[in-house]
Amino acid sequence: MTKFIDDFAGAIFDIFKFVLKSLSYFIAGMLIVGVPLYLIVLVINFLK
């Protein structure tokens, strides 16, 4: 029974680790792409 609980807890930990890692990569990608685009738009609007 303890082996089942240990395996179950390990599986839940792996799922949460995967979700957290995926979200952090997604947010980092949004920042890497979004911030320069936002700055470019600010510069273009300032020059108009």
C-alpha atoms as a PDB file:
ATOM      1  CA  MET A   1       0.000   0.000   0.000  1.00  0.00           C
ATOM      2  CA  THR A   2       2.806   2.440   0.788  1.00  0.00           C
ATOM      3  CA  LYS A   3       4.416   1.734  -2.595  1.00  0.00           C
ATOM      4  CA  PHE A   4       1.144   2.663  -4.319  1.00  0.00           C
ATOM      5  CA  ILE A   5       0.886   5.911  -2.340  1.00  0.00           C
ATOM      6  CA  ASP A   6       4.537   6.706  -3.069  1.00  0.00           C
ATOM      7  CA  ASP A   7       4.049   6.066  -6.799  1.00  0.00           C
ATOM      8  CA  PHE A   8       0.822   8.089  -6.811  1.00  0.00           C
ATOM      9  CA  ALA A   9       2.488  11.019  -5.054  1.00  0.00           C
ATOM     10  CA  GLY A  10       5.401  10.814  -7.499  1.00  0.00           C
ATOM     11  CA  ALA A  11       3.019  10.875 -10.458  1.00  0.00           C
ATOM     12  CA  ILE A  12       1.168  13.912  -9.092  1.00  0.00           C
ATOM     13  CA  PHE A  13       4.503  15.642  -8.450  1.00  0.00           C
ATOM     14  CA  ASP A  14       5.636  14.934 -12.024  1.00  0.00           C
ATOM     15  CA  ILE A  15       2.381  16.307 -13.445  1.00  0.00           C
ATOM     16  CA  PHE A  16       2.621  19.516 -11.399  1.00  0.00           C
ATOM     17  CA  LYS A  17       6.293  19.894 -12.313  1.00  0.00           C
ATOM     18  CA  PHE A  18       5.446  19.497 -16.014  1.00  0.00           C
ATOM     19  CA  VAL A  19       2.604  22.035 -15.845  1.00  0.00           C
ATOM     20  CA  LEU A  20       4.687  24.571 -13.918  1.00  0.00           C
ATOM     21  CA  LYS A  21       7.645  24.190 -16.264  1.00  0.00           C
ATOM     22  CA  SER A  22       5.413  24.528 -19.336  1.00  0.00           C
ATOM     23  CA  LEU A  23       3.732  27.645 -17.967  1.00  0.00           C
ATOM     24  CA  SER A  24       7.051  29.242 -17.075  1.00  0.00           C
ATOM     25  CA  TYR A  25       8.414  28.621 -20.588  1.00  0.00           C
ATOM     26  CA  PHE A  26       5.197  30.033 -22.074  1.00  0.00           C
ATOM     27  CA  ILE A  27       5.339  33.173 -19.926  1.00  0.00           C
ATOM     28  CA  ALA A  28       9.050  33.657 -20.643  1.00  0.00           C
ATOM     29  CA  GLY A  29       8.369  33.357 -24.379  1.00  0.00           C
ATOM     30  CA  MET A  30       5.553  35.876 -24.150  1.00  0.00           C
ATOM     31  CA  LEU A  31       7.873  38.317 -22.365  1.00  0.00           C
ATOM     32  CA  ILE A  32      10.740  37.772 -24.802  1.00  0.00           C
ATOM     33  CA  VAL A  33       8.457  38.433 -27.783  1.00  0.00           C
ATOM     34  CA  GLY A  34       5.989  40.896 -26.249  1.00  0.00           C
ATOM     35  CA  VAL A  35       8.287  43.438 -24.626  1.00  0.00           C
ATOM     36  CA  PRO A  36      10.316  44.252 -27.766  1.00  0.00           C
ATOM     37  CA  LEU A  37       7.139  44.432 -29.860  1.00  0.00           C
ATOM     38  CA  TYR A  38       5.553  46.770 -27.317  1.00  0.00           C
ATOM     39  CA  LEU A  39       8.649  48.989 -27.346  1.00  0.00           C
ATOM     40  CA  ILE A  40       8.676  49.066 -31.157  1.00  0.00           C
ATOM     41  CA  VAL A  41       5.029  50.142 -31.177  1.00  0.00           C
ATOM     42  CA  LEU A  42       5.769  52.860 -28.623  1.00  0.00           C
ATOM     43  CA  VAL A  43       8.600  54.202 -30.778  1.00  0.00           C
ATOM     44  CA  ILE A  44       6.454  54.153 -33.922  1.00  0.00           C
ATOM     45  CA  ASN A  45       3.598  55.949 -32.161  1.00  0.00           C
ATOM     46  CA  PHE A  46       6.045  58.506 -30.750  1.00  0.00           C
ATOM     47  CA  LEU A  47       7.432  59.256 -34.246  1.00  0.00           C
ATOM     48  CA  LYS A  48       3.989  59.853 -35.801  1.00  0.00           C
END
